């Protein structure tokens, strides 16, 4: 794995020029494309579905990272896998049959990941660490792009990193929410290695390439 992996969340992209935006991110060396899926019930917003994953799959050869912030995610795993997602994240908070759902994700050839909200205890994911390739730590309350980073989440990242080591898991930690040149180094030193950024990339004053360059340079 690279020193860090940057995943560009298209939640802040200009959808009238989505192809050009993703191409610009690819040209600037982005590693993954992140797609936030929201149903307006589990989180207070409505966003994208499998058709957007399918569109992005046609626009990039980079891995597609789908974050399902929805009720009953098990109903949609096959659709997102067939649309072209490489990583599928589900939340520990919204699935009583999380063990089965994570196995389902892997059965479709995708990398399973578990996401955890700011108010959810680290202990909630310990029993399924052996089933996931990634732990997504939400560093804002999920639902909207452009929120401020919640600093106490650095401690949670460190706790999860220690839990991964204790359980001899190979899972890596991803962070999502308020990631910019100030917060990325904090989460990196806490143990994160995959960083989702939306506003810091697609709304950067120097453009998409400038945003990606700044984020990578923040830990040099």
N, C-alpha and C. Protein backbone atom coordinates (compact mmCIF):
# COMPACT_ATOMS: atom_id res chain seq x y z
N UNK A 1 0.84 -1.20 0.00
CA UNK A 1 0.00 0.00 0.00
C UNK A 1 0.87 1.25 0.00
N UNK A 2 0.39 2.29 -0.69
CA UNK A 2 1.08 3.56 -0.66
C UNK A 2 1.11 4.11 0.77
N UNK A 3 1.95 5.12 0.98
CA UNK A 3 2.00 5.76 2.29
C UNK A 3 0.61 6.22 2.71
N UNK A 4 -0.09 6.89 1.80
CA UNK A 4 -1.50 7.21 2.03
C UNK A 4 -2.28 6.94 0.75
N UNK A 5 -3.56 6.66 0.92
CA UNK A 5 -4.48 6.53 -0.21
C UNK A 5 -5.50 7.65 -0.10
N UNK A 6 -5.66 8.40 -1.17
CA UNK A 6 -6.66 9.47 -1.22
C UNK A 6 -7.87 9.00 -2.04
N UNK A 7 -9.03 9.12 -1.44
CA UNK A 7 -10.27 8.76 -2.10
C UNK A 7 -11.12 10.02 -2.27
N UNK A 8 -11.37 10.40 -3.50
CA UNK A 8 -12.09 11.64 -3.80
C UNK A 8 -13.60 11.40 -3.74
N UNK A 9 -14.26 12.04 -2.79
CA UNK A 9 -15.71 11.92 -2.68
C UNK A 9 -16.39 12.85 -3.67
N UNK A 10 -17.16 12.26 -4.58
CA UNK A 10 -17.81 13.07 -5.61
C UNK A 10 -19.02 13.83 -5.08
N UNK A 11 -19.28 13.71 -3.77
CA UNK A 11 -20.40 14.45 -3.18
C UNK A 11 -20.23 15.96 -3.38
N UNK A 12 -18.98 16.41 -3.51
CA UNK A 12 -18.72 17.84 -3.72
C UNK A 12 -18.35 18.16 -5.16
N UNK A 13 -18.46 17.18 -6.04
CA UNK A 13 -18.12 17.41 -7.44
C UNK A 13 -19.22 18.20 -8.15
N UNK A 14 -18.85 18.79 -9.28
CA UNK A 14 -19.80 19.46 -10.15
C UNK A 14 -20.42 18.41 -11.06
N UNK A 15 -21.66 18.01 -10.78
CA UNK A 15 -22.28 16.91 -11.53
C UNK A 15 -22.62 17.29 -12.96
N UNK A 16 -22.62 18.57 -13.27
CA UNK A 16 -22.84 18.95 -14.67
C UNK A 16 -21.61 18.67 -15.52
N UNK A 17 -20.46 18.43 -14.84
CA UNK A 17 -19.22 18.09 -15.53
C UNK A 17 -18.53 16.92 -14.83
N UNK A 18 -19.31 15.91 -14.44
CA UNK A 18 -18.76 14.83 -13.63
C UNK A 18 -17.63 14.10 -14.33
N UNK A 19 -17.79 13.84 -15.61
CA UNK A 19 -16.73 13.14 -16.34
C UNK A 19 -15.42 13.91 -16.31
N UNK A 20 -15.49 15.21 -16.55
CA UNK A 20 -14.28 16.05 -16.53
C UNK A 20 -13.69 16.12 -15.13
N UNK A 21 -14.55 16.18 -14.12
CA UNK A 21 -14.08 16.26 -12.73
C UNK A 21 -13.32 14.99 -12.33
N UNK A 22 -13.88 13.85 -12.67
CA UNK A 22 -13.20 12.58 -12.35
C UNK A 22 -11.93 12.44 -13.16
N UNK A 23 -11.95 12.84 -14.43
CA UNK A 23 -10.74 12.78 -15.24
C UNK A 23 -9.65 13.67 -14.66
N UNK A 24 -10.03 14.84 -14.19
CA UNK A 24 -9.05 15.75 -13.58
C UNK A 24 -8.46 15.13 -12.32
N UNK A 25 -9.29 14.48 -11.53
CA UNK A 25 -8.80 13.81 -10.32
C UNK A 25 -7.86 12.67 -10.68
N UNK A 26 -8.24 11.89 -11.69
CA UNK A 26 -7.37 10.80 -12.16
C UNK A 26 -6.02 11.34 -12.64
N UNK A 27 -6.06 12.40 -13.45
CA UNK A 27 -4.83 12.98 -13.99
C UNK A 27 -3.93 13.51 -12.88
N UNK A 28 -4.54 13.95 -11.78
CA UNK A 28 -3.78 14.51 -10.65
C UNK A 28 -3.29 13.43 -9.70
N UNK A 29 -3.61 12.16 -10.00
CA UNK A 29 -3.07 11.06 -9.21
C UNK A 29 -3.94 10.59 -8.07
N UNK A 30 -5.24 10.84 -8.15
CA UNK A 30 -6.13 10.32 -7.10
C UNK A 30 -6.05 8.80 -7.11
N UNK A 31 -6.28 8.20 -5.94
CA UNK A 31 -6.15 6.74 -5.83
C UNK A 31 -7.49 6.03 -5.98
N UNK A 32 -8.53 6.55 -5.32
CA UNK A 32 -9.86 5.95 -5.37
C UNK A 32 -10.89 7.05 -5.64
N UNK A 33 -12.09 6.59 -6.05
CA UNK A 33 -13.26 7.45 -6.13
C UNK A 33 -14.26 6.97 -5.07
N UNK A 34 -14.73 7.91 -4.24
CA UNK A 34 -15.62 7.58 -3.13
C UNK A 34 -17.03 8.05 -3.45
N UNK A 35 -18.00 7.16 -3.24
CA UNK A 35 -19.40 7.48 -3.53
C UNK A 35 -20.22 7.32 -2.26
N UNK A 36 -20.80 8.43 -1.81
CA UNK A 36 -21.62 8.45 -0.60
C UNK A 36 -23.08 8.17 -0.96
N UNK A 37 -23.60 7.09 -0.42
CA UNK A 37 -24.96 6.65 -0.71
C UNK A 37 -25.82 6.91 0.52
N UNK A 38 -26.82 7.80 0.38
CA UNK A 38 -27.65 8.21 1.52
C UNK A 38 -29.13 8.10 1.16
N UNK A 39 -29.91 7.64 2.14
CA UNK A 39 -31.32 7.37 1.87
C UNK A 39 -32.30 8.35 2.50
N UNK A 40 -31.79 9.34 3.24
CA UNK A 40 -32.68 10.29 3.89
C UNK A 40 -33.36 9.74 5.13
N UNK A 41 -33.01 8.53 5.53
CA UNK A 41 -33.59 7.90 6.72
C UNK A 41 -32.49 7.61 7.73
N UNK A 42 -31.52 6.81 7.32
CA UNK A 42 -30.39 6.54 8.22
C UNK A 42 -29.56 7.79 8.45
N UNK A 43 -29.44 8.61 7.43
CA UNK A 43 -28.79 9.92 7.55
C UNK A 43 -29.72 10.98 6.94
N UNK A 44 -29.58 12.24 7.37
CA UNK A 44 -30.53 13.27 6.92
C UNK A 44 -30.19 13.88 5.57
N UNK A 45 -30.07 13.05 4.56
CA UNK A 45 -29.82 13.56 3.21
C UNK A 45 -30.11 12.43 2.24
N UNK A 46 -30.31 12.77 1.00
CA UNK A 46 -30.52 11.79 -0.07
C UNK A 46 -29.48 12.05 -1.14
N UNK A 47 -28.83 10.98 -1.60
CA UNK A 47 -27.78 11.20 -2.62
C UNK A 47 -27.87 10.19 -3.74
N UNK A 48 -26.87 9.32 -3.85
CA UNK A 48 -26.65 8.55 -5.07
C UNK A 48 -26.96 7.07 -4.89
N UNK A 49 -27.20 6.38 -6.01
CA UNK A 49 -27.47 4.96 -5.99
C UNK A 49 -26.54 4.20 -6.92
N UNK A 50 -26.85 2.93 -7.20
CA UNK A 50 -25.98 2.10 -8.04
C UNK A 50 -25.71 2.68 -9.42
N UNK A 51 -26.66 3.44 -9.97
CA UNK A 51 -26.47 3.99 -11.32
C UNK A 51 -25.30 4.96 -11.36
N UNK A 52 -25.05 5.67 -10.25
CA UNK A 52 -23.91 6.58 -10.21
C UNK A 52 -22.61 5.79 -10.17
N UNK A 53 -22.61 4.68 -9.43
CA UNK A 53 -21.44 3.80 -9.43
C UNK A 53 -21.18 3.29 -10.84
N UNK A 54 -22.23 2.87 -11.51
CA UNK A 54 -22.09 2.37 -12.88
C UNK A 54 -21.52 3.44 -13.81
N UNK A 55 -21.98 4.67 -13.65
CA UNK A 55 -21.47 5.78 -14.46
C UNK A 55 -19.99 6.01 -14.17
N UNK A 56 -19.64 6.06 -12.89
CA UNK A 56 -18.24 6.30 -12.51
C UNK A 56 -17.33 5.17 -12.98
N UNK A 57 -17.88 3.95 -13.00
CA UNK A 57 -17.08 2.81 -13.46
C UNK A 57 -16.67 3.00 -14.92
N UNK A 58 -17.50 3.67 -15.69
CA UNK A 58 -17.18 3.94 -17.09
C UNK A 58 -16.18 5.08 -17.24
N UNK A 59 -16.04 5.89 -16.18
CA UNK A 59 -15.22 7.09 -16.27
C UNK A 59 -13.82 6.92 -15.70
N UNK A 60 -13.59 5.86 -14.92
CA UNK A 60 -12.30 5.69 -14.27
C UNK A 60 -11.95 4.21 -14.12
N UNK A 61 -10.66 3.94 -14.12
CA UNK A 61 -10.19 2.58 -13.83
C UNK A 61 -9.76 2.44 -12.37
N UNK A 62 -9.79 3.55 -11.62
CA UNK A 62 -9.42 3.50 -10.21
C UNK A 62 -10.49 2.75 -9.41
N UNK A 63 -10.10 2.20 -8.26
CA UNK A 63 -11.09 1.54 -7.40
C UNK A 63 -12.22 2.50 -7.01
N UNK A 64 -13.42 1.96 -6.94
CA UNK A 64 -14.59 2.72 -6.50
C UNK A 64 -14.98 2.23 -5.11
N UNK A 65 -15.14 3.19 -4.24
CA UNK A 65 -15.33 3.00 -2.81
C UNK A 65 -16.74 3.48 -2.46
N UNK A 66 -17.68 2.53 -2.27
CA UNK A 66 -19.08 2.89 -2.02
C UNK A 66 -19.40 2.81 -0.53
N UNK A 67 -19.87 3.90 0.02
CA UNK A 67 -20.19 4.00 1.45
C UNK A 67 -21.71 4.04 1.59
N UNK A 68 -22.29 2.94 2.09
CA UNK A 68 -23.74 2.82 2.16
C UNK A 68 -24.26 3.31 3.50
N UNK A 69 -24.78 4.54 3.49
CA UNK A 69 -25.40 5.13 4.68
C UNK A 69 -26.91 5.01 4.52
N UNK A 70 -27.37 3.76 4.57
CA UNK A 70 -28.77 3.46 4.26
C UNK A 70 -29.28 2.37 5.19
N UNK A 71 -30.62 2.33 5.36
CA UNK A 71 -31.22 1.21 6.07
C UNK A 71 -31.24 -0.01 5.17
N UNK A 72 -31.17 -1.16 5.78
CA UNK A 72 -31.22 -2.45 5.06
C UNK A 72 -30.22 -2.52 3.91
N UNK A 73 -28.95 -2.24 4.17
CA UNK A 73 -27.97 -2.26 3.07
C UNK A 73 -27.84 -3.62 2.41
N UNK A 74 -28.20 -4.69 3.14
CA UNK A 74 -28.07 -6.03 2.58
C UNK A 74 -28.92 -6.21 1.32
N UNK A 75 -29.96 -5.40 1.16
CA UNK A 75 -30.82 -5.51 -0.01
C UNK A 75 -30.16 -4.99 -1.28
N UNK A 76 -29.08 -4.23 -1.13
CA UNK A 76 -28.51 -3.53 -2.29
C UNK A 76 -27.06 -3.91 -2.59
N UNK A 77 -26.52 -4.87 -1.84
CA UNK A 77 -25.12 -5.25 -2.04
C UNK A 77 -24.88 -5.73 -3.47
N UNK A 78 -25.73 -6.62 -3.94
CA UNK A 78 -25.55 -7.17 -5.29
C UNK A 78 -25.59 -6.07 -6.34
N UNK A 79 -26.51 -5.13 -6.19
CA UNK A 79 -26.64 -4.05 -7.18
C UNK A 79 -25.38 -3.20 -7.23
N UNK A 80 -24.82 -2.86 -6.06
CA UNK A 80 -23.61 -2.03 -6.05
C UNK A 80 -22.41 -2.81 -6.56
N UNK A 81 -22.34 -4.09 -6.24
CA UNK A 81 -21.24 -4.91 -6.73
C UNK A 81 -21.29 -5.03 -8.26
N UNK A 82 -22.46 -5.29 -8.78
CA UNK A 82 -22.60 -5.43 -10.24
C UNK A 82 -22.40 -4.11 -10.96
N UNK A 83 -22.66 -3.00 -10.27
CA UNK A 83 -22.45 -1.69 -10.88
C UNK A 83 -20.97 -1.33 -10.99
N UNK A 84 -20.12 -2.02 -10.21
CA UNK A 84 -18.68 -1.79 -10.35
C UNK A 84 -17.96 -1.34 -9.10
N UNK A 85 -18.61 -1.39 -7.94
CA UNK A 85 -17.92 -1.02 -6.70
C UNK A 85 -16.85 -2.05 -6.36
N UNK A 86 -15.71 -1.57 -5.88
CA UNK A 86 -14.63 -2.45 -5.44
C UNK A 86 -14.63 -2.62 -3.92
N UNK A 87 -14.91 -1.54 -3.20
CA UNK A 87 -15.04 -1.55 -1.75
C UNK A 87 -16.47 -1.14 -1.40
N UNK A 88 -17.09 -1.88 -0.48
CA UNK A 88 -18.43 -1.53 -0.02
C UNK A 88 -18.40 -1.44 1.50
N UNK A 89 -18.73 -0.26 2.01
CA UNK A 89 -18.76 -0.02 3.46
C UNK A 89 -20.21 -0.01 3.94
N UNK A 90 -20.47 -0.76 5.00
CA UNK A 90 -21.77 -0.70 5.66
C UNK A 90 -21.55 -0.26 7.11
N UNK A 91 -22.60 0.24 7.74
CA UNK A 91 -22.48 0.74 9.10
C UNK A 91 -22.78 -0.34 10.13
N UNK A 92 -22.04 -0.31 11.22
CA UNK A 92 -22.31 -1.22 12.33
C UNK A 92 -23.65 -0.89 12.99
N UNK A 93 -24.11 0.36 12.87
CA UNK A 93 -25.30 0.81 13.58
C UNK A 93 -26.61 0.38 12.95
N UNK A 94 -26.60 -0.02 11.68
CA UNK A 94 -27.89 -0.17 10.99
C UNK A 94 -28.15 -1.56 10.43
N UNK A 95 -27.44 -2.57 10.92
CA UNK A 95 -27.60 -3.90 10.34
C UNK A 95 -27.47 -4.97 11.42
N UNK A 96 -28.58 -5.52 11.88
CA UNK A 96 -28.50 -6.55 12.92
C UNK A 96 -27.83 -7.84 12.45
N UNK A 97 -27.76 -8.03 11.13
CA UNK A 97 -27.14 -9.23 10.58
C UNK A 97 -25.84 -8.86 9.85
N UNK A 98 -25.03 -8.03 10.53
CA UNK A 98 -23.84 -7.48 9.91
C UNK A 98 -22.86 -8.56 9.46
N UNK A 99 -22.75 -9.64 10.23
CA UNK A 99 -21.83 -10.74 9.87
C UNK A 99 -22.19 -11.28 8.49
N UNK A 100 -23.48 -11.56 8.30
CA UNK A 100 -23.94 -12.11 7.03
C UNK A 100 -23.73 -11.11 5.89
N UNK A 101 -24.00 -9.83 6.15
CA UNK A 101 -23.88 -8.83 5.10
C UNK A 101 -22.43 -8.66 4.66
N UNK A 102 -21.49 -8.67 5.60
CA UNK A 102 -20.08 -8.57 5.24
C UNK A 102 -19.63 -9.78 4.41
N UNK A 103 -20.10 -10.95 4.77
CA UNK A 103 -19.79 -12.14 3.97
C UNK A 103 -20.40 -12.02 2.57
N UNK A 104 -21.59 -11.44 2.51
CA UNK A 104 -22.26 -11.23 1.22
C UNK A 104 -21.43 -10.32 0.32
N UNK A 105 -20.90 -9.25 0.89
CA UNK A 105 -20.07 -8.33 0.11
C UNK A 105 -18.88 -9.06 -0.48
N UNK A 106 -18.21 -9.87 0.31
CA UNK A 106 -17.04 -10.60 -0.20
C UNK A 106 -17.43 -11.63 -1.24
N UNK A 107 -18.61 -12.23 -1.09
CA UNK A 107 -19.05 -13.26 -2.04
C UNK A 107 -19.24 -12.69 -3.44
N UNK A 108 -19.46 -11.37 -3.54
CA UNK A 108 -19.59 -10.73 -4.85
C UNK A 108 -18.26 -10.19 -5.37
N UNK A 109 -17.17 -10.55 -4.69
CA UNK A 109 -15.84 -10.16 -5.15
C UNK A 109 -15.42 -8.76 -4.74
N UNK A 110 -16.13 -8.17 -3.79
CA UNK A 110 -15.79 -6.83 -3.31
C UNK A 110 -15.09 -6.91 -1.95
N UNK A 111 -14.39 -5.84 -1.60
CA UNK A 111 -13.76 -5.74 -0.29
C UNK A 111 -14.78 -5.21 0.72
N UNK A 112 -15.07 -5.98 1.77
CA UNK A 112 -16.02 -5.50 2.78
C UNK A 112 -15.36 -4.56 3.77
N UNK A 113 -16.13 -3.53 4.18
CA UNK A 113 -15.64 -2.57 5.15
C UNK A 113 -16.76 -2.25 6.13
N UNK A 114 -16.39 -1.95 7.36
CA UNK A 114 -17.36 -1.56 8.38
C UNK A 114 -17.14 -0.10 8.73
N UNK A 115 -18.23 0.65 8.79
CA UNK A 115 -18.17 2.08 9.14
C UNK A 115 -18.73 2.28 10.54
N UNK A 116 -18.18 3.27 11.23
CA UNK A 116 -18.59 3.54 12.61
C UNK A 116 -18.76 5.04 12.80
N UNK A 117 -19.91 5.42 13.35
CA UNK A 117 -20.25 6.83 13.56
C UNK A 117 -19.53 7.40 14.78
N UNK A 118 -19.45 8.73 14.87
CA UNK A 118 -18.73 9.35 15.99
C UNK A 118 -19.20 8.92 17.37
N UNK A 119 -20.50 8.69 17.53
CA UNK A 119 -21.02 8.36 18.86
C UNK A 119 -21.06 6.88 19.19
N UNK A 120 -20.56 6.04 18.30
CA UNK A 120 -20.61 4.59 18.49
C UNK A 120 -19.31 4.09 19.11
N UNK A 121 -19.39 3.25 20.16
CA UNK A 121 -18.17 2.79 20.82
C UNK A 121 -17.34 1.85 19.95
N UNK A 122 -16.04 1.92 20.12
CA UNK A 122 -15.11 1.08 19.36
C UNK A 122 -15.38 -0.40 19.59
N UNK A 123 -15.79 -0.76 20.78
CA UNK A 123 -16.03 -2.16 21.11
C UNK A 123 -17.06 -2.82 20.20
N UNK A 124 -17.92 -2.02 19.58
CA UNK A 124 -19.00 -2.57 18.75
C UNK A 124 -18.50 -3.31 17.52
N UNK A 125 -17.27 -3.02 17.08
CA UNK A 125 -16.77 -3.65 15.85
C UNK A 125 -15.77 -4.76 16.11
N UNK A 126 -15.43 -5.01 17.36
CA UNK A 126 -14.36 -5.97 17.64
C UNK A 126 -14.68 -7.37 17.11
N UNK A 127 -15.92 -7.81 17.23
CA UNK A 127 -16.26 -9.18 16.87
C UNK A 127 -16.27 -9.44 15.37
N UNK A 128 -16.23 -8.36 14.55
CA UNK A 128 -16.27 -8.59 13.10
C UNK A 128 -15.00 -8.09 12.39
N UNK A 129 -13.97 -7.76 13.13
CA UNK A 129 -12.75 -7.27 12.50
C UNK A 129 -12.13 -8.29 11.56
N UNK A 130 -12.30 -9.56 11.86
CA UNK A 130 -11.72 -10.59 11.00
C UNK A 130 -12.45 -10.73 9.67
N UNK A 131 -13.58 -10.04 9.52
CA UNK A 131 -14.38 -10.14 8.29
C UNK A 131 -14.17 -8.97 7.34
N UNK A 132 -13.44 -7.93 7.78
CA UNK A 132 -13.36 -6.72 6.97
C UNK A 132 -11.93 -6.44 6.52
N UNK A 133 -11.84 -5.74 5.40
CA UNK A 133 -10.55 -5.28 4.89
C UNK A 133 -10.28 -3.82 5.26
N UNK A 134 -11.32 -3.15 5.76
CA UNK A 134 -11.18 -1.73 6.06
C UNK A 134 -12.18 -1.34 7.15
N UNK A 135 -11.75 -0.43 8.01
CA UNK A 135 -12.64 0.19 9.00
C UNK A 135 -12.75 1.67 8.65
N UNK A 136 -13.96 2.12 8.40
CA UNK A 136 -14.21 3.53 8.05
C UNK A 136 -14.65 4.28 9.30
N UNK A 137 -13.81 5.16 9.78
CA UNK A 137 -14.13 5.97 10.95
C UNK A 137 -14.71 7.30 10.48
N UNK A 138 -15.96 7.56 10.83
CA UNK A 138 -16.58 8.83 10.48
C UNK A 138 -16.05 9.90 11.43
N UNK A 139 -15.48 10.94 10.85
CA UNK A 139 -14.93 12.04 11.64
C UNK A 139 -15.83 13.28 11.60
N UNK A 140 -17.02 13.08 11.07
CA UNK A 140 -18.15 14.02 11.23
C UNK A 140 -19.39 13.15 11.38
N UNK A 141 -20.50 13.75 11.78
CA UNK A 141 -21.77 13.02 11.76
C UNK A 141 -22.23 12.91 10.31
N UNK A 142 -22.45 11.70 9.81
CA UNK A 142 -22.67 11.53 8.37
C UNK A 142 -23.94 12.20 7.87
N UNK A 143 -23.89 12.62 6.61
CA UNK A 143 -25.07 13.20 5.98
C UNK A 143 -24.78 14.34 5.02
N UNK A 144 -23.75 15.14 5.33
CA UNK A 144 -23.49 16.31 4.50
C UNK A 144 -22.00 16.52 4.28
N UNK A 145 -21.66 17.05 3.12
CA UNK A 145 -20.29 17.45 2.82
C UNK A 145 -20.01 18.82 3.42
N UNK A 146 -18.73 19.06 3.73
CA UNK A 146 -18.34 20.39 4.19
C UNK A 146 -18.41 20.60 5.68
N UNK A 147 -18.66 19.55 6.46
CA UNK A 147 -18.73 19.69 7.92
C UNK A 147 -17.33 19.80 8.53
N UNK A 148 -17.29 20.29 9.77
CA UNK A 148 -16.02 20.45 10.48
C UNK A 148 -15.59 19.14 11.13
N UNK A 149 -14.33 18.88 11.06
CA UNK A 149 -13.71 17.70 11.64
C UNK A 149 -13.93 17.65 13.16
N UNK A 150 -14.29 16.46 13.67
CA UNK A 150 -14.48 16.27 15.11
C UNK A 150 -13.18 15.75 15.70
N UNK A 151 -12.45 16.60 16.40
CA UNK A 151 -11.09 16.27 16.86
C UNK A 151 -11.01 15.07 17.79
N UNK A 152 -11.96 14.82 18.69
CA UNK A 152 -11.85 13.64 19.55
C UNK A 152 -11.84 12.31 18.80
N UNK A 153 -12.20 12.34 17.51
CA UNK A 153 -12.17 11.10 16.73
C UNK A 153 -10.74 10.57 16.54
N UNK A 154 -9.75 11.42 16.74
CA UNK A 154 -8.36 10.95 16.65
C UNK A 154 -8.10 9.87 17.70
N UNK A 155 -8.64 10.06 18.88
CA UNK A 155 -8.49 9.06 19.93
C UNK A 155 -9.18 7.76 19.53
N UNK A 156 -10.34 7.87 18.91
CA UNK A 156 -11.05 6.67 18.45
C UNK A 156 -10.23 5.94 17.39
N UNK A 157 -9.61 6.68 16.47
CA UNK A 157 -8.76 6.05 15.45
C UNK A 157 -7.62 5.28 16.10
N UNK A 158 -6.99 5.88 17.10
CA UNK A 158 -5.90 5.20 17.80
C UNK A 158 -6.41 3.94 18.49
N UNK A 159 -7.57 4.00 19.11
CA UNK A 159 -8.14 2.83 19.77
C UNK A 159 -8.42 1.71 18.77
N UNK A 160 -8.94 2.08 17.61
CA UNK A 160 -9.22 1.08 16.58
C UNK A 160 -7.93 0.49 16.04
N UNK A 161 -6.92 1.33 15.84
CA UNK A 161 -5.62 0.84 15.38
C UNK A 161 -5.06 -0.19 16.36
N UNK A 162 -5.17 0.09 17.65
CA UNK A 162 -4.69 -0.85 18.67
C UNK A 162 -5.52 -2.13 18.67
N UNK A 163 -6.83 -1.99 18.46
CA UNK A 163 -7.71 -3.15 18.42
C UNK A 163 -7.38 -4.04 17.22
N UNK A 164 -7.08 -3.43 16.09
CA UNK A 164 -6.69 -4.18 14.89
C UNK A 164 -5.42 -4.98 15.17
N UNK A 165 -4.45 -4.36 15.80
CA UNK A 165 -3.20 -5.05 16.11
C UNK A 165 -3.43 -6.18 17.11
N UNK A 166 -4.21 -5.93 18.12
CA UNK A 166 -4.49 -6.94 19.15
C UNK A 166 -5.18 -8.17 18.55
N UNK A 167 -6.05 -7.93 17.58
CA UNK A 167 -6.80 -9.02 16.97
C UNK A 167 -6.11 -9.60 15.74
N UNK A 168 -4.87 -9.15 15.48
CA UNK A 168 -4.08 -9.63 14.34
C UNK A 168 -4.86 -9.51 13.03
N UNK A 169 -5.59 -8.42 12.92
CA UNK A 169 -6.36 -8.14 11.71
C UNK A 169 -5.48 -7.42 10.70
N UNK A 170 -5.79 -7.58 9.44
CA UNK A 170 -5.08 -6.87 8.37
C UNK A 170 -5.87 -5.68 7.86
N UNK A 171 -6.95 -5.34 8.54
CA UNK A 171 -7.78 -4.21 8.12
C UNK A 171 -7.01 -2.90 8.22
N UNK A 172 -7.29 -2.00 7.31
CA UNK A 172 -6.70 -0.66 7.34
C UNK A 172 -7.80 0.33 7.71
N UNK A 173 -7.39 1.48 8.23
CA UNK A 173 -8.34 2.47 8.70
C UNK A 173 -8.52 3.58 7.67
N UNK A 174 -9.76 3.84 7.34
CA UNK A 174 -10.14 4.95 6.46
C UNK A 174 -10.86 6.00 7.30
N UNK A 175 -10.66 7.27 6.98
CA UNK A 175 -11.37 8.35 7.67
C UNK A 175 -12.13 9.18 6.65
N UNK A 176 -13.28 9.69 7.10
CA UNK A 176 -14.15 10.44 6.21
C UNK A 176 -14.87 11.51 7.01
N UNK A 177 -14.70 12.78 6.59
CA UNK A 177 -15.42 13.88 7.22
C UNK A 177 -14.48 14.98 7.67
N UNK A 178 -14.55 16.12 7.01
CA UNK A 178 -13.72 17.26 7.40
C UNK A 178 -12.24 17.04 7.16
N UNK A 179 -11.90 16.17 6.22
CA UNK A 179 -10.48 15.88 5.96
C UNK A 179 -9.90 16.97 5.07
N UNK A 180 -8.86 17.63 5.58
CA UNK A 180 -8.17 18.69 4.85
C UNK A 180 -6.70 18.68 5.27
N UNK A 181 -5.96 19.72 4.90
CA UNK A 181 -4.52 19.72 5.17
C UNK A 181 -4.22 19.82 6.66
N UNK A 182 -5.17 20.27 7.46
CA UNK A 182 -4.95 20.32 8.91
C UNK A 182 -5.30 18.99 9.58
N UNK A 183 -6.42 18.40 9.20
CA UNK A 183 -6.89 17.19 9.88
C UNK A 183 -6.25 15.91 9.36
N UNK A 184 -5.83 15.89 8.09
CA UNK A 184 -5.23 14.67 7.55
C UNK A 184 -4.00 14.22 8.36
N UNK A 185 -3.05 15.11 8.65
CA UNK A 185 -1.89 14.66 9.44
C UNK A 185 -2.29 14.14 10.83
N UNK A 186 -3.31 14.74 11.44
CA UNK A 186 -3.75 14.28 12.76
C UNK A 186 -4.25 12.85 12.70
N UNK A 187 -5.06 12.56 11.69
CA UNK A 187 -5.61 11.21 11.56
C UNK A 187 -4.55 10.21 11.09
N UNK A 188 -3.62 10.69 10.28
CA UNK A 188 -2.52 9.82 9.84
C UNK A 188 -1.70 9.35 11.05
N UNK A 189 -1.32 10.27 11.89
CA UNK A 189 -0.51 9.92 13.05
C UNK A 189 -1.29 9.10 14.07
N UNK A 190 -2.63 9.19 14.02
CA UNK A 190 -3.46 8.36 14.89
C UNK A 190 -3.59 6.94 14.37
N UNK A 191 -3.30 6.72 13.06
CA UNK A 191 -3.33 5.37 12.52
C UNK A 191 -4.07 5.19 11.22
N UNK A 192 -4.70 6.23 10.70
CA UNK A 192 -5.43 6.12 9.43
C UNK A 192 -4.46 6.11 8.25
N UNK A 193 -4.85 5.43 7.18
CA UNK A 193 -4.03 5.38 5.98
C UNK A 193 -4.82 5.66 4.70
N UNK A 194 -6.14 5.69 4.79
CA UNK A 194 -6.99 5.98 3.63
C UNK A 194 -7.85 7.18 3.99
N UNK A 195 -7.85 8.19 3.14
CA UNK A 195 -8.45 9.47 3.48
C UNK A 195 -9.46 9.89 2.41
N UNK A 196 -10.69 10.07 2.85
CA UNK A 196 -11.75 10.53 1.95
C UNK A 196 -11.83 12.05 2.06
N UNK A 197 -11.81 12.71 0.93
CA UNK A 197 -11.92 14.18 0.92
C UNK A 197 -12.87 14.58 -0.20
N UNK A 198 -13.71 15.54 0.09
CA UNK A 198 -14.68 16.04 -0.87
C UNK A 198 -14.41 17.50 -1.17
N UNK A 199 -14.77 18.37 -0.23
CA UNK A 199 -14.56 19.81 -0.40
C UNK A 199 -13.10 20.15 -0.62
N UNK A 200 -12.20 19.48 0.12
CA UNK A 200 -10.76 19.78 0.03
C UNK A 200 -10.18 19.44 -1.34
N UNK A 201 -10.91 18.67 -2.12
CA UNK A 201 -10.46 18.35 -3.49
C UNK A 201 -11.27 19.14 -4.52
N UNK A 202 -12.57 18.95 -4.51
CA UNK A 202 -13.39 19.51 -5.59
C UNK A 202 -13.71 20.99 -5.43
N UNK A 203 -13.49 21.55 -4.23
CA UNK A 203 -13.72 22.97 -4.02
C UNK A 203 -12.43 23.72 -3.69
N UNK A 204 -11.29 23.13 -3.96
CA UNK A 204 -10.02 23.76 -3.62
C UNK A 204 -9.78 25.00 -4.48
N UNK A 205 -9.25 26.07 -3.89
CA UNK A 205 -9.04 27.31 -4.67
C UNK A 205 -8.14 27.14 -5.88
N UNK A 206 -7.20 26.20 -5.80
CA UNK A 206 -6.30 25.94 -6.94
C UNK A 206 -6.77 24.77 -7.80
N UNK A 207 -8.02 24.40 -7.66
CA UNK A 207 -8.57 23.35 -8.49
C UNK A 207 -8.32 21.96 -7.91
N UNK A 208 -8.81 20.97 -8.63
CA UNK A 208 -8.74 19.58 -8.17
C UNK A 208 -7.30 19.13 -7.98
N UNK A 209 -6.45 19.42 -8.94
CA UNK A 209 -5.05 19.01 -8.83
C UNK A 209 -4.37 19.68 -7.64
N UNK A 210 -4.70 20.94 -7.42
CA UNK A 210 -4.14 21.66 -6.28
C UNK A 210 -4.58 21.07 -4.96
N UNK A 211 -5.84 20.65 -4.89
CA UNK A 211 -6.36 20.03 -3.68
C UNK A 211 -5.66 18.72 -3.36
N UNK A 212 -5.50 17.90 -4.39
CA UNK A 212 -4.84 16.60 -4.19
C UNK A 212 -3.38 16.79 -3.80
N UNK A 213 -2.70 17.70 -4.46
CA UNK A 213 -1.30 17.98 -4.14
C UNK A 213 -1.16 18.47 -2.70
N UNK A 214 -2.05 19.34 -2.27
CA UNK A 214 -1.98 19.89 -0.91
C UNK A 214 -2.19 18.80 0.13
N UNK A 215 -3.16 17.92 -0.13
CA UNK A 215 -3.43 16.84 0.83
C UNK A 215 -2.24 15.90 0.95
N UNK A 216 -1.67 15.52 -0.19
CA UNK A 216 -0.48 14.64 -0.13
C UNK A 216 0.67 15.33 0.57
N UNK A 217 0.84 16.60 0.32
CA UNK A 217 1.96 17.34 0.90
C UNK A 217 1.81 17.59 2.39
N UNK A 218 0.61 17.40 2.92
CA UNK A 218 0.36 17.73 4.32
C UNK A 218 1.08 16.82 5.29
N UNK A 219 1.53 15.65 4.84
CA UNK A 219 2.25 14.76 5.76
C UNK A 219 3.72 14.60 5.36
N UNK A 220 4.18 15.33 4.38
CA UNK A 220 5.59 15.24 3.97
C UNK A 220 6.46 15.99 4.96
